[in-house]
Amino acid sequence: MPTVERPVDTATLERQRARIRAAQARLAAFIASTAADVDEVAGEAEAALRAAVSSGAGVERVSAELELSPRALRAIVDGSVRLRSLHPDERLRSV
């Protein structure tokens, strides 16, 4: 039997889009972060990713829109991987 998705109202969709855009902005800030602010910015990005997923958009949609693997997103959201450990600058990955 096929799964029937419930219709999502416009306000909910816009809230989800806003949370995804916020996560995208926080991820961009994280990538541009320096040694002086990497911890703070990583924490903000992790919180924004959790908010995007918990908005009802779900891991699959958020990962697709942010071009992240669903597995990596789940690991960041559940806290098993710290975002800082994935920083593009090796020098900023230490915990």
C-alpha atoms as a PDB file:
ATOM      1  CA  MET A   1       0.000   0.000   0.000  1.00  0.00           C
ATOM      2  CA  PRO A   2       1.519   3.366  -0.991  1.00  0.00           C
ATOM      3  CA  THR A   3       2.348   5.922   1.661  1.00  0.00           C
ATOM      4  CA  VAL A   4       0.073   8.931   1.611  1.00  0.00           C
ATOM      5  CA  GLU A   5       1.758  12.182   2.511  1.00  0.00           C
ATOM      6  CA  ARG A   6      -0.249  14.755   4.356  1.00  0.00           C
ATOM      7  CA  PRO A   7      -0.564  18.124   2.696  1.00  0.00           C
ATOM      8  CA  VAL A   8       1.625  20.738   4.330  1.00  0.00           C
ATOM      9  CA  ASP A   9       0.253  24.234   4.683  1.00  0.00           C
ATOM     10  CA  THR A  10       2.044  27.224   3.180  1.00  0.00           C
ATOM     11  CA  ALA A  11       3.085  28.653   6.548  1.00  0.00           C
ATOM     12  CA  THR A  12       4.724  25.378   7.548  1.00  0.00           C
ATOM     13  CA  LEU A  13       6.571  25.126   4.237  1.00  0.00           C
ATOM     14  CA  GLU A  14       7.814  28.693   4.568  1.00  0.00           C
ATOM     15  CA  ARG A  15       8.986  28.041   8.130  1.00  0.00           C
ATOM     16  CA  GLN A  16      10.864  24.964   6.914  1.00  0.00           C
ATOM     17  CA  ARG A  17      12.432  26.920   4.050  1.00  0.00           C
ATOM     18  CA  ALA A  18      13.486  29.674   6.454  1.00  0.00           C
ATOM     19  CA  ARG A  19      15.134  27.161   8.781  1.00  0.00           C
ATOM     20  CA  ILE A  20      16.940  25.513   5.873  1.00  0.00           C
ATOM     21  CA  ARG A  21      18.163  28.918   4.623  1.00  0.00           C
ATOM     22  CA  ALA A  22      19.357  29.760   8.141  1.00  0.00           C
ATOM     23  CA  ALA A  23      21.247  26.464   8.305  1.00  0.00           C
ATOM     24  CA  GLN A  24      22.799  27.204   4.930  1.00  0.00           C
ATOM     25  CA  ALA A  25      23.957  30.628   6.157  1.00  0.00           C
ATOM     26  CA  ARG A  26      25.360  29.150   9.391  1.00  0.00           C
ATOM     27  CA  LEU A  27      27.224  26.466   7.406  1.00  0.00           C
ATOM     28  CA  ALA A  28      28.715  29.144   5.138  1.00  0.00           C
ATOM     29  CA  ALA A  29      29.832  31.087   8.226  1.00  0.00           C
ATOM     30  CA  PHE A  30      31.340  27.912   9.660  1.00  0.00           C
ATOM     31  CA  ILE A  31      33.340  27.258   6.499  1.00  0.00           C
ATOM     32  CA  ALA A  32      34.656  30.839   6.622  1.00  0.00           C
ATOM     33  CA  SER A  33      35.357  30.723  10.369  1.00  0.00           C
ATOM     34  CA  THR A  34      38.749  31.369  11.905  1.00  0.00           C
ATOM     35  CA  ALA A  35      40.513  30.053  14.991  1.00  0.00           C
ATOM     36  CA  ALA A  36      39.031  32.956  16.936  1.00  0.00           C
ATOM     37  CA  ASP A  37      35.403  32.027  16.290  1.00  0.00           C
ATOM     38  CA  VAL A  38      35.291  28.416  15.075  1.00  0.00           C
ATOM     39  CA  ASP A  39      33.809  26.976  18.282  1.00  0.00           C
ATOM     40  CA  GLU A  40      30.993  29.526  18.461  1.00  0.00           C
ATOM     41  CA  VAL A  41      30.209  29.343  14.746  1.00  0.00           C
ATOM     42  CA  ALA A  42      30.283  25.518  14.729  1.00  0.00           C
ATOM     43  CA  GLY A  43      27.814  25.450  17.616  1.00  0.00           C
ATOM     44  CA  GLU A  44      25.512  27.883  15.816  1.00  0.00           C
ATOM     45  CA  ALA A  45      25.663  25.801  12.643  1.00  0.00           C
ATOM     46  CA  GLU A  46      24.909  22.579  14.531  1.00  0.00           C
ATOM     47  CA  ALA A  47      21.911  24.245  16.204  1.00  0.00           C
ATOM     48  CA  ALA A  48      20.677  25.558  12.848  1.00  0.00           C
ATOM     49  CA  LEU A  49      20.948  22.081  11.308  1.00  0.00           C
ATOM     50  CA  ARG A  50      18.969  20.571  14.193  1.00  0.00           C
ATOM     51  CA  ALA A  51      16.324  23.293  13.816  1.00  0.00           C
ATOM     52  CA  ALA A  52      16.027  22.673  10.078  1.00  0.00           C
ATOM     53  CA  VAL A  53      15.563  18.931  10.536  1.00  0.00           C
ATOM     54  CA  SER A  54      13.144  19.330  13.453  1.00  0.00           C
ATOM     55  CA  SER A  55      11.053  21.857  11.505  1.00  0.00           C
ATOM     56  CA  GLY A  56       9.427  18.889   9.816  1.00  0.00           C
ATOM     57  CA  ALA A  57      11.537  19.129   6.670  1.00  0.00           C
ATOM     58  CA  GLY A  58      13.340  15.927   7.640  1.00  0.00           C
ATOM     59  CA  VAL A  59      16.863  14.695   7.063  1.00  0.00           C
ATOM     60  CA  GLU A  60      16.404  13.742   3.402  1.00  0.00           C
ATOM     61  CA  ARG A  61      15.074  17.137   2.299  1.00  0.00           C
ATOM     62  CA  VAL A  62      17.510  19.173   4.391  1.00  0.00           C
ATOM     63  CA  SER A  63      20.481  17.111   3.213  1.00  0.00           C
ATOM     64  CA  ALA A  64      19.396  17.467  -0.419  1.00  0.00           C
ATOM     65  CA  GLU A  65      18.920  21.221  -0.191  1.00  0.00           C
ATOM     66  CA  LEU A  66      22.227  21.732   1.639  1.00  0.00           C
ATOM     67  CA  GLU A  67      24.084  19.183  -0.514  1.00  0.00           C
ATOM     68  CA  LEU A  68      25.143  17.136   2.517  1.00  0.00           C
ATOM     69  CA  SER A  69      24.964  13.400   2.768  1.00  0.00           C
ATOM     70  CA  PRO A  70      22.002  12.254   4.864  1.00  0.00           C
ATOM     71  CA  ARG A  71      24.349  10.096   6.914  1.00  0.00           C
ATOM     72  CA  ALA A  72      26.633  13.050   7.744  1.00  0.00           C
ATOM     73  CA  LEU A  73      23.660  15.267   8.577  1.00  0.00           C
ATOM     74  CA  ARG A  74      22.189  12.629  10.910  1.00  0.00           C
ATOM     75  CA  ALA A  75      25.554  12.252  12.668  1.00  0.00           C
ATOM     76  CA  ILE A  76      25.868  16.015  13.185  1.00  0.00           C
ATOM     77  CA  VAL A  77      22.265  16.419  14.329  1.00  0.00           C
ATOM     78  CA  ASP A  78      22.425  13.518  16.792  1.00  0.00           C
ATOM     79  CA  GLY A  79      25.770  14.742  18.138  1.00  0.00           C
ATOM     80  CA  SER A  80      27.832  11.688  17.263  1.00  0.00           C
ATOM     81  CA  VAL A  81      30.035  13.852  15.012  1.00  0.00           C
ATOM     82  CA  ARG A  82      31.038  17.392  15.911  1.00  0.00           C
ATOM     83  CA  LEU A  83      30.828  19.733  12.965  1.00  0.00           C
ATOM     84  CA  ARG A  84      34.182  21.239  13.883  1.00  0.00           C
ATOM     85  CA  SER A  85      35.859  17.905  13.141  1.00  0.00           C
ATOM     86  CA  LEU A  86      34.754  18.372   9.517  1.00  0.00           C
ATOM     87  CA  HIS A  87      36.176  21.889   9.060  1.00  0.00           C
ATOM     88  CA  PRO A  88      37.839  22.320   5.656  1.00  0.00           C
ATOM     89  CA  ASP A  89      40.922  23.836   7.343  1.00  0.00           C
ATOM     90  CA  GLU A  90      42.723  20.932   9.045  1.00  0.00           C
ATOM     91  CA  ARG A  91      44.214  23.275  11.630  1.00  0.00           C
ATOM     92  CA  LEU A  92      40.748  24.135  12.932  1.00  0.00           C
ATOM     93  CA  ARG A  93      39.502  20.538  13.283  1.00  0.00           C
ATOM     94  CA  SER A  94      41.062  19.809  16.666  1.00  0.00           C
ATOM     95  CA  VAL A  95      38.641  19.549  19.522  1.00  0.00           C
END
